[in-house]
C-alpha atoms as a PDB file:
ATOM      1  CA  ASP A   1     -40.561  33.535  68.195  1.00  0.00           C
ATOM      2  CA  ILE A   2     -43.512  31.437  67.383  1.00  0.00           C
ATOM      3  CA  GLU A   3     -46.764  32.160  69.157  1.00  0.00           C
ATOM      4  CA  ALA A   4     -48.215  29.511  71.572  1.00  0.00           C
ATOM      5  CA  ASP A   5     -51.433  29.223  69.453  1.00  0.00           C
ATOM      6  CA  THR A   6     -49.261  28.335  66.314  1.00  0.00           C
ATOM      7  CA  VAL A   7     -47.312  25.769  68.236  1.00  0.00           C
ATOM      8  CA  VAL A   8     -50.703  24.293  69.387  1.00  0.00           C
ATOM      9  CA  GLU A   9     -51.905  24.075  65.924  1.00  0.00           C
ATOM     10  CA  ILE A  10     -48.791  22.274  64.782  1.00  0.00           C
ATOM     11  CA  LEU A  11     -48.992  19.931  67.622  1.00  0.00           C
ATOM     12  CA  VAL A  12     -52.648  19.101  66.897  1.00  0.00           C
ATOM     13  CA  LYS A  13     -51.726  18.362  63.180  1.00  0.00           C
ATOM     14  CA  PHE A  14     -48.893  16.261  64.520  1.00  0.00           C
ATOM     15  CA  MET A  15     -51.253  14.197  66.879  1.00  0.00           C
ATOM     16  CA  ASP A  16     -53.623  13.580  63.967  1.00  0.00           C
ATOM     17  CA  ASP A  17     -50.883  12.522  61.534  1.00  0.00           C
ATOM     18  CA  ALA A  18     -49.075  10.360  64.144  1.00  0.00           C
ATOM     19  CA  ARG A  19     -52.242   8.621  65.132  1.00  0.00           C
ATOM     20  CA  ALA A  20     -53.266   7.871  61.506  1.00  0.00           C
ATOM     21  CA  ARG A  21     -49.684   6.778  60.672  1.00  0.00           C
ATOM     22  CA  HIS A  22     -49.626   4.562  63.858  1.00  0.00           C
ATOM     23  CA  ALA A  23     -52.861   3.056  62.820  1.00  0.00           C
ATOM     24  CA  THR A  24     -51.505   2.113  59.410  1.00  0.00           C
ATOM     25  CA  ALA A  25     -48.492   0.658  60.907  1.00  0.00           C
ATOM     26  CA  ARG A  26     -50.575  -1.472  63.263  1.00  0.00           C
ATOM     27  CA  ALA A  27     -52.725  -2.674  60.430  1.00  0.00           C
ATOM     28  CA  ALA A  28     -49.586  -3.497  58.344  1.00  0.00           C
ATOM     29  CA  ALA A  29     -47.804  -5.434  60.955  1.00  0.00           C
ATOM     30  CA  PRO A  30     -50.110  -8.641  61.155  1.00  0.00           C
ATOM     31  CA  ALA A  31     -49.899  -8.824  57.394  1.00  0.00           C
ATOM     32  CA  GLY A  32     -46.101  -8.872  57.592  1.00  0.00           C
ATOM     33  CA  ASP A  33     -45.616  -5.604  55.679  1.00  0.00           C
ATOM     34  CA  LEU A  34     -42.613  -4.514  57.973  1.00  0.00           C
ATOM     35  CA  ASP A  35     -41.534  -2.082  55.345  1.00  0.00           C
ATOM     36  CA  LYS A  36     -44.588  -0.010  55.780  1.00  0.00           C
ATOM     37  CA  VAL A  37     -44.289  -0.163  59.335  1.00  0.00           C
ATOM     38  CA  ARG A  38     -40.771   1.063  59.033  1.00  0.00           C
ATOM     39  CA  ARG A  39     -41.802   3.924  56.632  1.00  0.00           C
ATOM     40  CA  GLU A  40     -44.571   4.996  59.052  1.00  0.00           C
ATOM     41  CA  ALA A  41     -42.350   4.824  61.911  1.00  0.00           C
ATOM     42  CA  HIS A  42     -39.672   6.783  60.090  1.00  0.00           C
ATOM     43  CA  THR A  43     -42.232   9.567  59.136  1.00  0.00           C
ATOM     44  CA  ILE A  44     -43.517  10.076  62.691  1.00  0.00           C
ATOM     45  CA  LYS A  45     -39.883  10.058  64.071  1.00  0.00           C
ATOM     46  CA  GLY A  46     -38.917  12.955  61.780  1.00  0.00           C
ATOM     47  CA  ALA A  47     -41.883  14.961  62.821  1.00  0.00           C
ATOM     48  CA  ALA A  48     -41.345  14.237  66.342  1.00  0.00           C
ATOM     49  CA  ALA A  49     -37.663  15.102  66.143  1.00  0.00           C
ATOM     50  CA  SER A  50     -38.468  18.343  64.683  1.00  0.00           C
ATOM     51  CA  LEU A  51     -41.075  19.273  67.395  1.00  0.00           C
ATOM     52  CA  GLY A  52     -38.788  18.257  70.146  1.00  0.00           C
ATOM     53  CA  LEU A  53     -40.735  15.124  71.312  1.00  0.00           C
ATOM     54  CA  PRO A  54     -37.830  12.652  72.380  1.00  0.00           C
ATOM     55  CA  ALA A  55     -39.963   9.975  73.709  1.00  0.00           C
ATOM     56  CA  VAL A  56     -41.947   9.591  70.600  1.00  0.00           C
ATOM     57  CA  ARG A  57     -38.852   9.993  68.502  1.00  0.00           C
ATOM     58  CA  ASP A  58     -37.044   7.340  70.397  1.00  0.00           C
ATOM     59  CA  GLY A  59     -40.090   4.919  70.197  1.00  0.00           C
ATOM     60  CA  CYS A  60     -40.205   5.402  66.502  1.00  0.00           C
ATOM     61  CA  LEU A  61     -36.476   4.684  66.192  1.00  0.00           C
ATOM     62  CA  ALA A  62     -36.760   1.442  68.106  1.00  0.00           C
ATOM     63  CA  LEU A  63     -39.716   0.421  65.860  1.00  0.00           C
ATOM     64  CA  GLU A  64     -37.960   1.444  62.758  1.00  0.00           C
ATOM     65  CA  GLN A  65     -34.834  -0.588  63.583  1.00  0.00           C
ATOM     66  CA  ALA A  66     -37.008  -3.731  64.520  1.00  0.00           C
ATOM     67  CA  ALA A  67     -39.000  -3.598  61.464  1.00  0.00           C
ATOM     68  CA  LYS A  68     -35.795  -3.109  59.253  1.00  0.00           C
ATOM     69  CA  ALA A  69     -34.250  -6.123  60.913  1.00  0.00           C
ATOM     70  CA  GLY A  70     -37.420  -8.266  60.472  1.00  0.00           C
ATOM     71  CA  GLU A  71     -37.949  -8.588  64.257  1.00  0.00           C
ATOM     72  CA  ALA A  72     -41.325  -8.721  66.218  1.00  0.00           C
ATOM     73  CA  VAL A  73     -42.868  -5.123  66.239  1.00  0.00           C
ATOM     74  CA  GLY A  74     -46.039  -5.690  68.149  1.00  0.00           C
ATOM     75  CA  PRO A  75     -44.712  -4.651  71.695  1.00  0.00           C
ATOM     76  CA  LEU A  76     -42.932  -1.627  70.091  1.00  0.00           C
ATOM     77  CA  LEU A  77     -46.112  -0.582  68.215  1.00  0.00           C
ATOM     78  CA  ALA A  78     -48.061  -0.692  71.451  1.00  0.00           C
ATOM     79  CA  GLU A  79     -45.334   1.264  73.303  1.00  0.00           C
ATOM     80  CA  LEU A  80     -45.298   3.810  70.501  1.00  0.00           C
ATOM     81  CA  GLY A  81     -49.145   4.259  70.814  1.00  0.00           C
ATOM     82  CA  ARG A  82     -48.722   4.799  74.604  1.00  0.00           C
ATOM     83  CA  ARG A  83     -45.984   7.656  74.035  1.00  0.00           C
ATOM     84  CA  ILE A  84     -48.206   9.315  71.419  1.00  0.00           C
ATOM     85  CA  GLU A  85     -51.276   9.163  73.563  1.00  0.00           C
ATOM     86  CA  ALA A  86     -49.343  10.434  76.665  1.00  0.00           C
ATOM     87  CA  LEU A  87     -48.489  13.686  74.785  1.00  0.00           C
ATOM     88  CA  PRO A  88     -51.859  15.625  75.534  1.00  0.00           C
ATOM     89  CA  GLY A  89     -51.522  14.941  79.279  1.00  0.00           C
ATOM     90  CA  GLN A  90     -47.728  15.956  79.248  1.00  0.00           C
ATOM     91  CA  LEU A  91     -48.737  19.184  77.596  1.00  0.00           C
ATOM     92  CA  SER A  92     -51.681  20.109  79.666  1.00  0.00           C
ATOM     93  CA  THR A  93     -49.828  22.154  82.132  1.00  0.00           C
ATOM     94  CA  THR A  94     -47.832  24.079  79.615  1.00  0.00           C
ATOM     95  CA  ALA A  95     -48.634  27.007  77.250  1.00  0.00           C
ATOM     96  CA  TYR A  96     -48.910  24.243  74.535  1.00  0.00           C
ATOM     97  CA  ALA A  97     -51.859  22.376  76.160  1.00  0.00           C
ATOM     98  CA  LEU A  98     -53.958  20.737  73.363  1.00  0.00           C
ATOM     99  CA  PRO A  99     -57.602  21.504  72.879  1.00  0.00           C
END
């Protein structure tokens, strides 16, 4: 079993990485770099899936698919950002509350 402190450390690193990758995707979208949007979503999706964060994983999957299809990604990027930023509040009443 993994100690709660270790899980929190992993989640903090996930949040930092997810926020940075989301920002990169947000910057790439207006420039039309949908491949970069897709790659960033794919990377966040894998980490979210590994950590058991289905809302973030599903948001990434939708974004990844839209970017691959050349569809509009703005609303999906916004939704993914909301899902990422909701995590600290969702975890706040658990043993894995973020600092």
